[in-house]
Amino acid sequence: MTEFGARMRDLLVDQVCEGVDWEGASPAFVFADVTLVTACAWRVDGPAVMYGSGADPVAAQDLTQLVGHRIVDASAATPWHDLELEFDGGWTLRAFSDAPDWESWRLTSDEGELLVAGPGSSWSHFPAH
């Protein structure tokens, strides 16, 4: 696991989803201590349901079904940092890096730490001050 992946995992595992906001067409998953914004293609799989970034807006609103679920595992596959978050209750969020010239996702802590996947295979880590 890369330094980037290890830090991302440290920030996310055991976090409970508190809500889902939107930044334009990008969902922002809000947890107690961090917020994750996926600016790339994404998909949520759950018990007998699936929602994706190409879904109609009404179906995408059902992302609130993640609220109250805890992240039990997190990984960012290299080289593109495709994100996979496994939640309790059989839910999984996947973010697929799909634009080599733009960020794919970003994770911001309440203390000001920032992790950015992309553009392309690059990543950035800005520690809290």
Protein backbone atom coordinates (compact mmCIF):
# COMPACT_ATOMS: atom_id res chain seq x y z
CA MET A 1 0.00 0.00 0.00
CA THR A 2 1.29 3.46 -0.88
CA GLU A 3 1.75 6.24 1.67
CA PHE A 4 -1.25 7.95 0.05
CA GLY A 5 -3.41 4.83 0.32
CA ALA A 6 -2.38 4.20 3.92
CA ARG A 7 -3.26 7.77 4.97
CA MET A 8 -6.59 7.61 3.13
CA ARG A 9 -7.40 4.34 4.89
CA ASP A 10 -6.44 5.80 8.30
CA LEU A 11 -8.79 8.74 7.76
CA LEU A 12 -11.77 6.71 6.53
CA VAL A 13 -11.97 3.32 8.28
CA ASP A 14 -14.49 3.36 11.14
CA GLN A 15 -16.10 6.60 9.94
CA VAL A 16 -19.92 6.57 9.86
CA CYS A 17 -21.69 8.32 6.97
CA GLU A 18 -23.68 11.26 8.34
CA GLY A 19 -25.06 12.61 5.07
CA VAL A 20 -24.67 13.13 1.34
CA ASP A 21 -24.44 16.64 -0.11
CA TRP A 22 -23.79 17.68 -3.71
CA GLU A 23 -21.10 19.89 -5.24
CA GLY A 24 -22.65 20.39 -8.66
CA ALA A 25 -22.95 16.87 -10.11
CA SER A 26 -20.44 15.42 -7.62
CA PRO A 27 -21.64 13.70 -4.45
CA ALA A 28 -19.97 14.75 -1.20
CA PHE A 29 -20.11 12.00 1.40
CA VAL A 30 -20.05 13.58 4.86
CA PHE A 31 -18.61 11.71 7.86
CA ALA A 32 -17.94 12.81 11.45
CA ASP A 33 -14.35 13.95 10.78
CA VAL A 34 -13.94 13.99 6.98
CA THR A 35 -15.75 14.74 3.72
CA LEU A 36 -15.18 12.77 0.51
CA VAL A 37 -16.05 14.36 -2.85
CA THR A 38 -16.04 12.12 -5.91
CA ALA A 39 -15.46 14.14 -9.08
CA CYS A 40 -15.19 11.04 -11.28
CA ALA A 41 -17.43 8.13 -12.24
CA TRP A 42 -18.78 6.38 -9.14
CA ARG A 43 -21.04 3.51 -8.20
CA VAL A 44 -22.72 2.42 -4.97
CA ASP A 45 -23.66 -1.25 -4.63
CA GLY A 46 -25.97 -2.38 -1.87
CA PRO A 47 -28.29 -5.19 -0.97
CA ALA A 48 -30.11 -5.85 -4.27
CA VAL A 49 -29.59 -2.25 -5.56
CA MET A 50 -27.00 -0.28 -7.50
CA TYR A 51 -26.67 3.46 -8.16
CA GLY A 52 -24.12 5.13 -10.41
CA SER A 53 -22.97 8.50 -11.65
CA GLY A 54 -24.99 7.92 -14.84
CA ALA A 55 -28.19 7.25 -12.87
CA ASP A 56 -31.10 9.63 -13.10
CA PRO A 57 -31.17 12.30 -10.37
CA VAL A 58 -34.05 10.65 -8.50
CA ALA A 59 -32.13 7.36 -8.14
CA ALA A 60 -28.96 9.23 -7.16
CA GLN A 61 -30.84 10.78 -4.23
CA ASP A 62 -31.03 7.29 -2.76
CA LEU A 63 -27.36 7.64 -1.82
CA THR A 64 -28.72 8.69 1.55
CA GLN A 65 -29.13 4.95 2.19
CA LEU A 66 -25.42 5.05 3.16
CA VAL A 67 -26.26 7.31 6.11
CA GLY A 68 -25.65 5.49 9.38
CA HIS A 69 -23.34 2.89 7.83
CA ARG A 70 -19.71 2.53 8.98
CA ILE A 71 -16.71 2.08 6.66
CA VAL A 72 -15.11 -1.28 7.47
CA ASP A 73 -12.38 -1.20 4.80
CA ALA A 74 -10.93 1.30 2.33
CA SER A 75 -8.46 0.99 -0.54
CA ALA A 76 -7.14 3.07 -3.42
CA ALA A 77 -5.85 0.88 -6.26
CA THR A 78 -2.79 2.11 -8.12
CA PRO A 79 -1.87 3.50 -10.56
CA TRP A 80 -5.07 5.59 -10.90
CA HIS A 81 -6.19 5.56 -7.24
CA ASP A 82 -9.57 3.97 -7.96
CA LEU A 83 -11.31 4.14 -4.60
CA GLU A 84 -13.25 1.34 -2.92
CA LEU A 85 -15.00 1.82 0.41
CA GLU A 86 -16.72 -1.14 2.04
CA PHE A 87 -19.48 -0.26 4.50
CA ASP A 88 -21.25 -2.45 7.01
CA GLY A 89 -24.62 -3.75 5.85
CA GLY A 90 -23.28 -4.91 2.49
CA TRP A 91 -22.77 -1.48 0.87
CA THR A 92 -19.76 -0.55 -1.30
CA LEU A 93 -18.81 2.80 -2.84
CA ARG A 94 -16.43 2.72 -5.81
CA ALA A 95 -14.95 5.77 -7.54
CA PHE A 96 -13.29 5.15 -10.92
CA SER A 97 -10.67 7.60 -12.12
CA ASP A 98 -11.89 8.48 -15.60
CA ALA A 99 -10.16 11.75 -16.60
CA PRO A 100 -6.35 11.92 -16.84
CA ASP A 101 -6.33 15.73 -16.63
CA TRP A 102 -8.57 16.23 -13.57
CA GLU A 103 -8.77 15.19 -9.95
CA SER A 104 -10.79 12.04 -9.36
CA TRP A 105 -11.68 12.46 -5.71
CA ARG A 106 -10.62 14.42 -2.66
CA LEU A 107 -10.80 13.78 1.04
CA THR A 108 -10.79 16.71 3.48
CA SER A 109 -10.54 16.37 7.24
CA ASP A 110 -12.21 18.77 9.65
CA GLU A 111 -8.69 19.68 10.82
CA GLY A 112 -7.70 20.87 7.33
CA GLU A 113 -5.81 17.85 6.00
CA LEU A 114 -6.41 17.26 2.27
CA LEU A 115 -5.78 14.19 0.09
CA VAL A 116 -6.34 14.53 -3.68
CA ALA A 117 -6.34 11.66 -6.19
CA GLY A 118 -5.30 12.86 -9.63
CA PRO A 119 -4.89 14.24 -12.07
CA GLY A 120 -4.05 10.95 -13.72
CA SER A 121 -1.83 8.76 -11.58
CA SER A 122 -0.56 11.64 -9.43
CA TRP A 123 -1.72 12.35 -5.90
CA SER A 124 -1.28 15.12 -3.38
CA HIS A 125 -1.27 15.22 0.41
CA PHE A 126 -1.55 18.49 2.28
CA PRO A 127 -1.19 17.94 6.05
CA ALA A 128 -3.24 20.00 8.50
CA HIS A 129 -1.49 23.10 9.82
